[in-house]
PDB file of all heavy atoms in Angstrom:
ATOM      1  N   VAL A   1      -4.559  -5.471   0.590  1.00  0.00           N
ATOM      2  CA  VAL A   1      -5.620  -4.460   0.576  1.00  0.00           C
ATOM      3  C   VAL A   1      -6.961  -5.126   0.281  1.00  0.00           C
ATOM      4  O   VAL A   1      -7.986  -4.810   0.892  1.00  0.00           O
ATOM      5  CB  VAL A   1      -5.310  -3.372  -0.467  1.00  0.00           C
ATOM      6  CG1 VAL A   1      -6.460  -2.368  -0.574  1.00  0.00           C
ATOM      7  CG2 VAL A   1      -4.009  -2.652  -0.107  1.00  0.00           C
ATOM      8  N   GLY A   2      -6.947  -6.058  -0.663  1.00  0.00           N
ATOM      9  CA  GLY A   2      -8.170  -6.771  -1.002  1.00  0.00           C
ATOM     10  C   GLY A   2      -8.766  -7.508   0.176  1.00  0.00           C
ATOM     11  O   GLY A   2      -9.988  -7.516   0.366  1.00  0.00           O
ATOM     12  N   ARG A   3      -7.932  -8.107   1.003  1.00  0.00           N
ATOM     13  CA  ARG A   3      -8.447  -8.845   2.167  1.00  0.00           C
ATOM     14  C   ARG A   3      -9.108  -7.905   3.161  1.00  0.00           C
ATOM     15  O   ARG A   3     -10.168  -8.200   3.710  1.00  0.00           O
ATOM     16  CB  ARG A   3      -7.315  -9.625   2.838  1.00  0.00           C
ATOM     17  CG  ARG A   3      -7.735 -10.380   4.088  1.00  0.00           C
ATOM     18  CD  ARG A   3      -8.867 -11.352   3.798  1.00  0.00           C
ATOM     19  NE  ARG A   3      -8.412 -12.466   2.983  1.00  0.00           N
ATOM     20  CZ  ARG A   3      -9.240 -13.321   2.394  1.00  0.00           C
ATOM     21  NH1 ARG A   3     -10.562 -13.169   2.520  1.00  0.00           N
ATOM     22  NH2 ARG A   3      -8.760 -14.300   1.653  1.00  0.00           N
ATOM     23  N   TRP A   4      -8.475  -6.748   3.389  1.00  0.00           N
ATOM     24  CA  TRP A   4      -9.058  -5.786   4.326  1.00  0.00           C
ATOM     25  C   TRP A   4     -10.421  -5.318   3.819  1.00  0.00           C
ATOM     26  O   TRP A   4     -11.395  -5.256   4.575  1.00  0.00           O
ATOM     27  CB  TRP A   4      -8.104  -4.599   4.489  1.00  0.00           C
ATOM     28  CG  TRP A   4      -8.517  -3.655   5.571  1.00  0.00           C
ATOM     29  CD1 TRP A   4      -8.176  -3.711   6.893  1.00  0.00           C
ATOM     30  CD2 TRP A   4      -9.353  -2.498   5.427  1.00  0.00           C
ATOM     31  NE1 TRP A   4      -8.751  -2.673   7.582  1.00  0.00           N
ATOM     32  CE2 TRP A   4      -9.483  -1.909   6.710  1.00  0.00           C
ATOM     33  CE3 TRP A   4     -10.005  -1.906   4.350  1.00  0.00           C
ATOM     34  CZ2 TRP A   4     -10.227  -0.761   6.930  1.00  0.00           C
ATOM     35  CZ3 TRP A   4     -10.756  -0.766   4.566  1.00  0.00           C
ATOM     36  CH2 TRP A   4     -10.863  -0.205   5.845  1.00  0.00           C
ATOM     37  N   LEU A   5     -10.506  -5.004   2.534  1.00  0.00           N
ATOM     38  CA  LEU A   5     -11.778  -4.552   1.970  1.00  0.00           C
ATOM     39  C   LEU A   5     -12.804  -5.680   1.947  1.00  0.00           C
ATOM     40  O   LEU A   5     -13.998  -5.455   2.189  1.00  0.00           O
ATOM     41  CB  LEU A   5     -11.552  -4.021   0.549  1.00  0.00           C
ATOM     42  CG  LEU A   5     -10.693  -2.756   0.438  1.00  0.00           C
ATOM     43  CD1 LEU A   5     -10.393  -2.448  -1.031  1.00  0.00           C
ATOM     44  CD2 LEU A   5     -11.371  -1.566   1.107  1.00  0.00           C
ATOM     45  N   ALA A   6     -12.349  -6.896   1.652  1.00  0.00           N
ATOM     46  CA  ALA A   6     -13.273  -8.038   1.623  1.00  0.00           C
ATOM     47  C   ALA A   6     -13.911  -8.271   2.991  1.00  0.00           C
ATOM     48  O   ALA A   6     -15.117  -8.549   3.099  1.00  0.00           O
ATOM     49  CB  ALA A   6     -12.531  -9.291   1.150  1.00  0.00           C
ATOM     50  N   LYS A   7     -13.116  -8.151   4.041  1.00  0.00           N
ATOM     51  CA  LYS A   7     -13.667  -8.314   5.390  1.00  0.00           C
ATOM     52  C   LYS A   7     -14.625  -7.178   5.729  1.00  0.00           C
ATOM     53  O   LYS A   7     -15.687  -7.402   6.316  1.00  0.00           O
ATOM     54  CB  LYS A   7     -12.532  -8.370   6.410  1.00  0.00           C
ATOM     55  CG  LYS A   7     -11.735  -9.665   6.384  1.00  0.00           C
ATOM     56  CD  LYS A   7     -10.638  -9.652   7.440  1.00  0.00           C
ATOM     57  CE  LYS A   7      -9.884 -10.967   7.469  1.00  0.00           C
ATOM     58  NZ  LYS A   7      -8.789 -10.968   8.475  1.00  0.00           N
ATOM     59  N   ARG A   8     -14.242  -5.969   5.350  1.00  0.00           N
ATOM     60  CA  ARG A   8     -15.078  -4.805   5.646  1.00  0.00           C
ATOM     61  C   ARG A   8     -16.428  -4.899   4.942  1.00  0.00           C
ATOM     62  O   ARG A   8     -17.472  -4.561   5.515  1.00  0.00           O
ATOM     63  CB  ARG A   8     -14.335  -3.543   5.215  1.00  0.00           C
ATOM     64  CG  ARG A   8     -15.103  -2.229   5.419  1.00  0.00           C
ATOM     65  CD  ARG A   8     -14.208  -1.070   5.019  1.00  0.00           C
ATOM     66  NE  ARG A   8     -14.888   0.206   5.028  1.00  0.00           N
ATOM     67  CZ  ARG A   8     -15.087   0.944   6.121  1.00  0.00           C
ATOM     68  NH1 ARG A   8     -14.662   0.516   7.296  1.00  0.00           N
ATOM     69  NH2 ARG A   8     -15.707   2.109   6.030  1.00  0.00           N
ATOM     70  N   TRP A   9     -16.397  -5.350   3.689  1.00  0.00           N
ATOM     71  CA  TRP A   9     -17.623  -5.404   2.903  1.00  0.00           C
ATOM     72  C   TRP A   9     -18.299  -6.771   2.932  1.00  0.00           C
ATOM     73  O   TRP A   9     -19.387  -6.933   2.379  1.00  0.00           O
ATOM     74  CB  TRP A   9     -17.315  -5.047   1.449  1.00  0.00           C
ATOM     75  CG  TRP A   9     -16.774  -3.669   1.253  1.00  0.00           C
ATOM     76  CD1 TRP A   9     -16.985  -2.565   2.034  1.00  0.00           C
ATOM     77  CD2 TRP A   9     -15.907  -3.243   0.192  1.00  0.00           C
ATOM     78  NE1 TRP A   9     -16.315  -1.479   1.535  1.00  0.00           N
ATOM     79  CE2 TRP A   9     -15.645  -1.858   0.397  1.00  0.00           C
ATOM     80  CE3 TRP A   9     -15.331  -3.868  -0.913  1.00  0.00           C
ATOM     81  CZ2 TRP A   9     -14.843  -1.108  -0.458  1.00  0.00           C
ATOM     82  CZ3 TRP A   9     -14.539  -3.128  -1.767  1.00  0.00           C
ATOM     83  CH2 TRP A   9     -14.292  -1.760  -1.542  1.00  0.00           C
ATOM     84  N   ARG A  10     -17.628  -7.767   3.517  1.00  0.00           N
ATOM     85  CA  ARG A  10     -18.146  -9.141   3.561  1.00  0.00           C
ATOM     86  C   ARG A  10     -18.415  -9.693   2.161  1.00  0.00           C
ATOM     87  O   ARG A  10     -19.502 -10.186   1.846  1.00  0.00           O
ATOM     88  CB  ARG A  10     -19.408  -9.212   4.422  1.00  0.00           C
ATOM     89  CG  ARG A  10     -19.148  -8.850   5.881  1.00  0.00           C
ATOM     90  CD  ARG A  10     -20.375  -9.008   6.735  1.00  0.00           C
ATOM     91  NE  ARG A  10     -20.087  -8.637   8.113  1.00  0.00           N
ATOM     92  CZ  ARG A  10     -20.988  -8.665   9.098  1.00  0.00           C
ATOM     93  NH1 ARG A  10     -22.231  -9.059   8.850  1.00  0.00           N
ATOM     94  NH2 ARG A  10     -20.633  -8.320  10.314  1.00  0.00           N
ATOM     95  N   VAL A  11     -17.390  -9.569   1.337  1.00  0.00           N
ATOM     96  CA  VAL A  11     -17.440 -10.116  -0.023  1.00  0.00           C
ATOM     97  C   VAL A  11     -16.235 -11.025  -0.214  1.00  0.00           C
ATOM     98  O   VAL A  11     -15.247 -10.924   0.521  1.00  0.00           O
ATOM     99  CB  VAL A  11     -17.445  -8.992  -1.085  1.00  0.00           C
ATOM    100  CG1 VAL A  11     -18.672  -8.107  -0.931  1.00  0.00           C
ATOM    101  CG2 VAL A  11     -16.156  -8.166  -1.043  1.00  0.00           C
ATOM    102  N   PRO A  12     -16.268 -11.930  -1.198  1.00  0.00           N
ATOM    103  CA  PRO A  12     -15.152 -12.863  -1.396  1.00  0.00           C
ATOM    104  C   PRO A  12     -13.989 -12.213  -2.148  1.00  0.00           C
ATOM    105  O   PRO A  12     -14.153 -11.225  -2.866  1.00  0.00           O
ATOM    106  CB  PRO A  12     -15.773 -13.987  -2.225  1.00  0.00           C
ATOM    107  CG  PRO A  12     -16.885 -13.325  -2.968  1.00  0.00           C
ATOM    108  CD  PRO A  12     -17.432 -12.266  -2.043  1.00  0.00           C
ATOM    109  N   LEU A  13     -12.818 -12.817  -1.947  1.00  0.00           N
ATOM    110  CA  LEU A  13     -11.591 -12.374  -2.610  1.00  0.00           C
ATOM    111  C   LEU A  13     -11.058 -13.510  -3.477  1.00  0.00           C
ATOM    112  O   LEU A  13     -10.790 -14.611  -2.990  1.00  0.00           O
ATOM    113  CB  LEU A  13     -10.548 -11.985  -1.564  1.00  0.00           C
ATOM    114  CG  LEU A  13      -9.140 -11.627  -2.077  1.00  0.00           C
ATOM    115  CD1 LEU A  13      -9.180 -10.378  -2.948  1.00  0.00           C
ATOM    116  CD2 LEU A  13      -8.171 -11.436  -0.898  1.00  0.00           C
ATOM    117  N   VAL A  14     -10.910 -13.242  -4.768  1.00  0.00           N
ATOM    118  CA  VAL A  14     -10.286 -14.162  -5.725  1.00  0.00           C
ATOM    119  C   VAL A  14      -8.898 -13.624  -6.045  1.00  0.00           C
ATOM    120  O   VAL A  14      -8.723 -12.419  -6.254  1.00  0.00           O
ATOM    121  CB  VAL A  14     -11.121 -14.268  -7.013  1.00  0.00           C
ATOM    122  CG1 VAL A  14     -10.409 -15.132  -8.056  1.00  0.00           C
ATOM    123  CG2 VAL A  14     -12.509 -14.837  -6.712  1.00  0.00           C
ATOM    124  N   TYR A  15      -7.906 -14.494  -6.067  1.00  0.00           N
ATOM    125  CA  TYR A  15      -6.540 -14.094  -6.419  1.00  0.00           C
ATOM    126  C   TYR A  15      -6.107 -14.889  -7.641  1.00  0.00           C
ATOM    127  O   TYR A  15      -6.307 -16.108  -7.701  1.00  0.00           O
ATOM    128  CB  TYR A  15      -5.582 -14.378  -5.256  1.00  0.00           C
ATOM    129  CG  TYR A  15      -4.117 -14.204  -5.602  1.00  0.00           C
ATOM    130  CD1 TYR A  15      -3.571 -12.941  -5.754  1.00  0.00           C
ATOM    131  CD2 TYR A  15      -3.288 -15.310  -5.780  1.00  0.00           C
ATOM    132  CE1 TYR A  15      -2.228 -12.777  -6.078  1.00  0.00           C
ATOM    133  CE2 TYR A  15      -1.949 -15.160  -6.091  1.00  0.00           C
ATOM    134  CZ  TYR A  15      -1.420 -13.888  -6.250  1.00  0.00           C
ATOM    135  OH  TYR A  15      -0.092 -13.733  -6.575  1.00  0.00           O
ATOM    136  N   THR A  16      -5.544 -14.218  -8.636  1.00  0.00           N
ATOM    137  CA  THR A  16      -4.975 -14.909  -9.794  1.00  0.00           C
ATOM    138  C   THR A  16      -3.458 -14.974  -9.664  1.00  0.00           C
ATOM    139  O   THR A  16      -2.801 -13.935  -9.520  1.00  0.00           O
ATOM    140  CB  THR A  16      -5.353 -14.215 -11.113  1.00  0.00           C
ATOM    141  OG1 THR A  16      -6.756 -14.390 -11.354  1.00  0.00           O
ATOM    142  CG2 THR A  16      -4.596 -14.827 -12.287  1.00  0.00           C
ATOM    143  N   LEU A  17      -2.926 -16.179  -9.722  1.00  0.00           N
ATOM    144  CA  LEU A  17      -1.474 -16.381  -9.729  1.00  0.00           C
ATOM    145  C   LEU A  17      -1.007 -16.303 -11.179  1.00  0.00           C
ATOM    146  O   LEU A  17      -1.191 -17.242 -11.951  1.00  0.00           O
ATOM    147  CB  LEU A  17      -1.130 -17.742  -9.118  1.00  0.00           C
ATOM    148  CG  LEU A  17       0.356 -18.107  -9.132  1.00  0.00           C
ATOM    149  CD1 LEU A  17       1.155 -17.187  -8.217  1.00  0.00           C
ATOM    150  CD2 LEU A  17       0.553 -19.570  -8.723  1.00  0.00           C
ATOM    151  N   HIS A  18      -0.430 -15.181 -11.551  1.00  0.00           N
ATOM    152  CA  HIS A  18       0.000 -14.978 -12.937  1.00  0.00           C
ATOM    153  C   HIS A  18       1.393 -15.528 -13.202  1.00  0.00           C
ATOM    154  O   HIS A  18       1.756 -15.734 -14.362  1.00  0.00           O
ATOM    155  CB  HIS A  18      -0.033 -13.491 -13.275  1.00  0.00           C
ATOM    156  CG  HIS A  18      -1.414 -12.922 -13.382  1.00  0.00           C
ATOM    157  ND1 HIS A  18      -2.197 -13.060 -14.506  1.00  0.00           N
ATOM    158  CD2 HIS A  18      -2.170 -12.230 -12.482  1.00  0.00           C
ATOM    159  CE1 HIS A  18      -3.354 -12.461 -14.319  1.00  0.00           C
ATOM    160  NE2 HIS A  18      -3.374 -11.950 -13.104  1.00  0.00           N
ATOM    161  N   LEU A  19       2.191 -15.749 -12.158  1.00  0.00           N
ATOM    162  CA  LEU A  19       3.567 -16.199 -12.370  1.00  0.00           C
ATOM    163  C   LEU A  19       4.000 -17.068 -11.195  1.00  0.00           C
ATOM    164  O   LEU A  19       3.839 -16.665 -10.031  1.00  0.00           O
ATOM    165  CB  LEU A  19       4.494 -14.994 -12.499  1.00  0.00           C
ATOM    166  CG  LEU A  19       5.876 -15.230 -13.117  1.00  0.00           C
ATOM    167  CD1 LEU A  19       5.745 -15.674 -14.576  1.00  0.00           C
ATOM    168  CD2 LEU A  19       6.714 -13.964 -13.031  1.00  0.00           C
ATOM    169  N   THR A  20       4.534 -18.234 -11.490  1.00  0.00           N
ATOM    170  CA  THR A  20       5.039 -19.115 -10.441  1.00  0.00           C
ATOM    171  C   THR A  20       6.493 -18.765 -10.128  1.00  0.00           C
ATOM    172  O   THR A  20       7.110 -17.940 -10.780  1.00  0.00           O
ATOM    173  CB  THR A  20       4.950 -20.582 -10.882  1.00  0.00           C
ATOM    174  OG1 THR A  20       5.702 -20.748 -12.085  1.00  0.00           O
ATOM    175  CG2 THR A  20       3.509 -20.986 -11.124  1.00  0.00           C
ATOM    176  N   GLY A  21       7.032 -19.438  -9.114  1.00  0.00           N
ATOM    177  CA  GLY A  21       8.427 -19.230  -8.758  1.00  0.00           C
ATOM    178  C   GLY A  21       8.672 -18.010  -7.905  1.00  0.00           C
ATOM    179  O   GLY A  21       9.819 -17.655  -7.624  1.00  0.00           O
ATOM    180  N   ILE A  22       7.612 -17.339  -7.469  1.00  0.00           N
ATOM    181  CA  ILE A  22       7.765 -16.162  -6.618  1.00  0.00           C
ATOM    182  C   ILE A  22       8.137 -16.608  -5.203  1.00  0.00           C
ATOM    183  O   ILE A  22       7.819 -17.719  -4.783  1.00  0.00           O
ATOM    184  CB  ILE A  22       6.474 -15.315  -6.613  1.00  0.00           C
ATOM    185  CG1 ILE A  22       5.275 -16.177  -6.198  1.00  0.00           C
ATOM    186  CG2 ILE A  22       6.242 -14.697  -7.975  1.00  0.00           C
ATOM    187  CD1 ILE A  22       3.960 -15.427  -6.157  1.00  0.00           C
ATOM    188  N   PRO A  23       8.835 -15.765  -4.425  1.00  0.00           N
ATOM    189  CA  PRO A  23       9.248 -16.163  -3.070  1.00  0.00           C
ATOM    190  C   PRO A  23       8.040 -16.444  -2.177  1.00  0.00           C
ATOM    191  O   PRO A  23       7.057 -15.696  -2.189  1.00  0.00           O
ATOM    192  CB  PRO A  23      10.019 -14.944  -2.561  1.00  0.00           C
ATOM    193  CG  PRO A  23      10.399 -14.186  -3.777  1.00  0.00           C
ATOM    194  CD  PRO A  23       9.324 -14.418  -4.777  1.00  0.00           C
ATOM    195  N   VAL A  24       8.123 -17.508  -1.405  1.00  0.00           N
ATOM    196  CA  VAL A  24       7.023 -17.840  -0.495  1.00  0.00           C
ATOM    197  C   VAL A  24       7.521 -18.118   0.929  1.00  0.00           C
ATOM    198  O   VAL A  24       6.722 -18.399   1.821  1.00  0.00           O
ATOM    199  CB  VAL A  24       6.219 -19.058  -0.998  1.00  0.00           C
ATOM    200  CG1 VAL A  24       5.489 -18.718  -2.286  1.00  0.00           C
ATOM    201  CG2 VAL A  24       7.115 -20.283  -1.187  1.00  0.00           C
ATOM    202  N   GLY A  25       8.826 -18.025   1.143  1.00  0.00           N
ATOM    203  CA  GLY A  25       9.370 -18.279   2.472  1.00  0.00           C
ATOM    204  C   GLY A  25       9.472 -17.011   3.294  1.00  0.00           C
ATOM    205  O   GLY A  25       9.437 -15.900   2.788  1.00  0.00           O
ATOM    206  N   GLY A  26       9.599 -17.178   4.594  1.00  0.00           N
ATOM    207  CA  GLY A  26       9.826 -16.059   5.499  1.00  0.00           C
ATOM    208  C   GLY A  26       8.743 -15.010   5.418  1.00  0.00           C
ATOM    209  O   GLY A  26       7.542 -15.319   5.392  1.00  0.00           O
ATOM    210  N   ALA A  27       9.168 -13.740   5.355  1.00  0.00           N
ATOM    211  CA  ALA A  27       8.218 -12.628   5.338  1.00  0.00           C
ATOM    212  C   ALA A  27       7.332 -12.676   4.101  1.00  0.00           C
ATOM    213  O   ALA A  27       6.152 -12.288   4.156  1.00  0.00           O
ATOM    214  CB  ALA A  27       8.965 -11.304   5.403  1.00  0.00           C
ATOM    215  N   SER A  28       7.872 -13.155   2.977  1.00  0.00           N
ATOM    216  CA  SER A  28       7.067 -13.231   1.755  1.00  0.00           C
ATOM    217  C   SER A  28       5.872 -14.154   1.939  1.00  0.00           C
ATOM    218  O   SER A  28       4.757 -13.846   1.515  1.00  0.00           O
ATOM    219  CB  SER A  28       7.922 -13.732   0.582  1.00  0.00           C
ATOM    220  OG  SER A  28       8.944 -12.816   0.281  1.00  0.00           O
ATOM    221  N   GLY A  29       6.108 -15.281   2.585  1.00  0.00           N
ATOM    222  CA  GLY A  29       5.007 -16.200   2.838  1.00  0.00           C
ATOM    223  C   GLY A  29       4.013 -15.648   3.828  1.00  0.00           C
ATOM    224  O   GLY A  29       2.796 -15.781   3.654  1.00  0.00           O
ATOM    225  N   TRP A  30       4.530 -15.001   4.863  1.00  0.00           N
ATOM    226  CA  TRP A  30       3.655 -14.452   5.897  1.00  0.00           C
ATOM    227  C   TRP A  30       2.749 -13.362   5.336  1.00  0.00           C
ATOM    228  O   TRP A  30       1.602 -13.211   5.755  1.00  0.00           O
ATOM    229  CB  TRP A  30       4.506 -13.896   7.034  1.00  0.00           C
ATOM    230  CG  TRP A  30       3.712 -13.288   8.136  1.00  0.00           C
ATOM    231  CD1 TRP A  30       2.971 -13.949   9.077  1.00  0.00           C
ATOM    232  CD2 TRP A  30       3.578 -11.894   8.430  1.00  0.00           C
ATOM    233  NE1 TRP A  30       2.373 -13.053   9.942  1.00  0.00           N
ATOM    234  CE2 TRP A  30       2.739 -11.787   9.564  1.00  0.00           C
ATOM    235  CE3 TRP A  30       4.092 -10.734   7.838  1.00  0.00           C
ATOM    236  CZ2 TRP A  30       2.399 -10.558  10.107  1.00  0.00           C
ATOM    237  CZ3 TRP A  30       3.748  -9.512   8.383  1.00  0.00           C
ATOM    238  CH2 TRP A  30       2.914  -9.431   9.511  1.00  0.00           C
ATOM    239  N   MET A  31       3.259 -12.593   4.355  1.00  0.00           N
ATOM    240  CA  MET A  31       2.491 -11.492   3.787  1.00  0.00           C
ATOM    241  C   MET A  31       1.711 -11.902   2.546  1.00  0.00           C
ATOM    242  O   MET A  31       1.172 -11.052   1.832  1.00  0.00           O
ATOM    243  CB  MET A  31       3.418 -10.323   3.447  1.00  0.00           C
ATOM    244  CG  MET A  31       4.057  -9.688   4.659  1.00  0.00           C
ATOM    245  SD  MET A  31       5.035  -8.230   4.245  1.00  0.00           S
ATOM    246  CE  MET A  31       3.737  -7.093   3.726  1.00  0.00           C
ATOM    247  N   SER A  32       1.625 -13.183   2.264  1.00  0.00           N
ATOM    248  CA  SER A  32       0.893 -13.653   1.081  1.00  0.00           C
ATOM    249  C   SER A  32      -0.543 -13.971   1.445  1.00  0.00           C
ATOM    250  O   SER A  32      -0.810 -14.636   2.440  1.00  0.00           O
ATOM    251  CB  SER A  32       1.551 -14.911   0.499  1.00  0.00           C
ATOM    252  OG  SER A  32       2.840 -14.632   0.020  1.00  0.00           O
ATOM    253  N   ASP A  33      -1.453 -13.470   0.661  1.00  0.00           N
ATOM    254  CA  ASP A  33      -2.868 -13.828   0.785  1.00  0.00           C
ATOM    255  C   ASP A  33      -3.302 -14.379  -0.561  1.00  0.00           C
ATOM    256  O   ASP A  33      -3.312 -13.663  -1.564  1.00  0.00           O
ATOM    257  CB  ASP A  33      -3.707 -12.605   1.169  1.00  0.00           C
ATOM    258  CG  ASP A  33      -5.126 -12.982   1.568  1.00  0.00           C
ATOM    259  OD1 ASP A  33      -5.763 -13.763   0.827  1.00  0.00           O
ATOM    260  OD2 ASP A  33      -5.601 -12.505   2.607  1.00  0.00           O
ATOM    261  N   TRP A  34      -3.650 -15.644  -0.592  1.00  0.00           N
ATOM    262  CA  TRP A  34      -3.970 -16.325  -1.844  1.00  0.00           C
ATOM    263  C   TRP A  34      -5.454 -16.254  -2.170  1.00  0.00           C
ATOM    264  O   TRP A  34      -5.914 -16.920  -3.105  1.00  0.00           O
ATOM    265  CB  TRP A  34      -3.507 -17.786  -1.773  1.00  0.00           C
ATOM    266  CG  TRP A  34      -2.068 -17.922  -1.415  1.00  0.00           C
ATOM    267  CD1 TRP A  34      -1.553 -18.196  -0.168  1.00  0.00           C
ATOM    268  CD2 TRP A  34      -0.931 -17.747  -2.280  1.00  0.00           C
ATOM    269  NE1 TRP A  34      -0.181 -18.223  -0.212  1.00  0.00           N
ATOM    270  CE2 TRP A  34       0.229 -17.942  -1.490  1.00  0.00           C
ATOM    271  CE3 TRP A  34      -0.782 -17.455  -3.625  1.00  0.00           C
ATOM    272  CZ2 TRP A  34       1.518 -17.856  -2.022  1.00  0.00           C
ATOM    273  CZ3 TRP A  34       0.493 -17.362  -4.162  1.00  0.00           C
ATOM    274  CH2 TRP A  34       1.627 -17.560  -3.361  1.00  0.00           C
ATOM    275  N   GLY A  35      -6.179 -15.428  -1.447  1.00  0.00           N
ATOM    276  CA  GLY A  35      -7.604 -15.282  -1.704  1.00  0.00           C
ATOM    277  C   GLY A  35      -8.412 -16.428  -1.124  1.00  0.00           C
ATOM    278  O   GLY A  35      -7.877 -17.412  -0.610  1.00  0.00           O
ATOM    279  N   ASP A  36      -9.714 -16.307  -1.219  1.00  0.00           N
ATOM    280  CA  ASP A  36     -10.589 -17.415  -0.831  1.00  0.00           C
ATOM    281  C   ASP A  36     -10.490 -18.536  -1.860  1.00  0.00           C
ATOM    282  O   ASP A  36     -10.632 -19.712  -1.533  1.00  0.00           O
ATOM    283  CB  ASP A  36     -12.037 -16.918  -0.715  1.00  0.00           C
ATOM    284  CG  ASP A  36     -12.168 -15.802   0.304  1.00  0.00           C
ATOM    285  OD1 ASP A  36     -11.731 -15.996   1.454  1.00  0.00           O
ATOM    286  OD2 ASP A  36     -12.687 -14.725  -0.056  1.00  0.00           O
ATOM    287  N   ILE A  37     -10.269 -18.133  -3.097  1.00  0.00           N
ATOM    288  CA  ILE A  37      -9.983 -19.063  -4.191  1.00  0.00           C
ATOM    289  C   ILE A  37      -8.819 -18.479  -4.978  1.00  0.00           C
ATOM    290  O   ILE A  37      -8.780 -17.278  -5.253  1.00  0.00           O
ATOM    291  CB  ILE A  37     -11.202 -19.232  -5.131  1.00  0.00           C
ATOM    292  CG1 ILE A  37     -12.315 -20.018  -4.444  1.00  0.00           C
ATOM    293  CG2 ILE A  37     -10.803 -19.930  -6.432  1.00  0.00           C
ATOM    294  CD1 ILE A  37     -12.030 -21.502  -4.260  1.00  0.00           C
TER     295      ILE A  37
END
């Protein structure tokens, strides 16, 4: 949702990774947006 709004408003997106070890393969990886930073 943040990415869609960031593009619409032309503002940056920061993502905080609060926990490691989360799934990143397959659909999980495809649906991951790690922010601009």
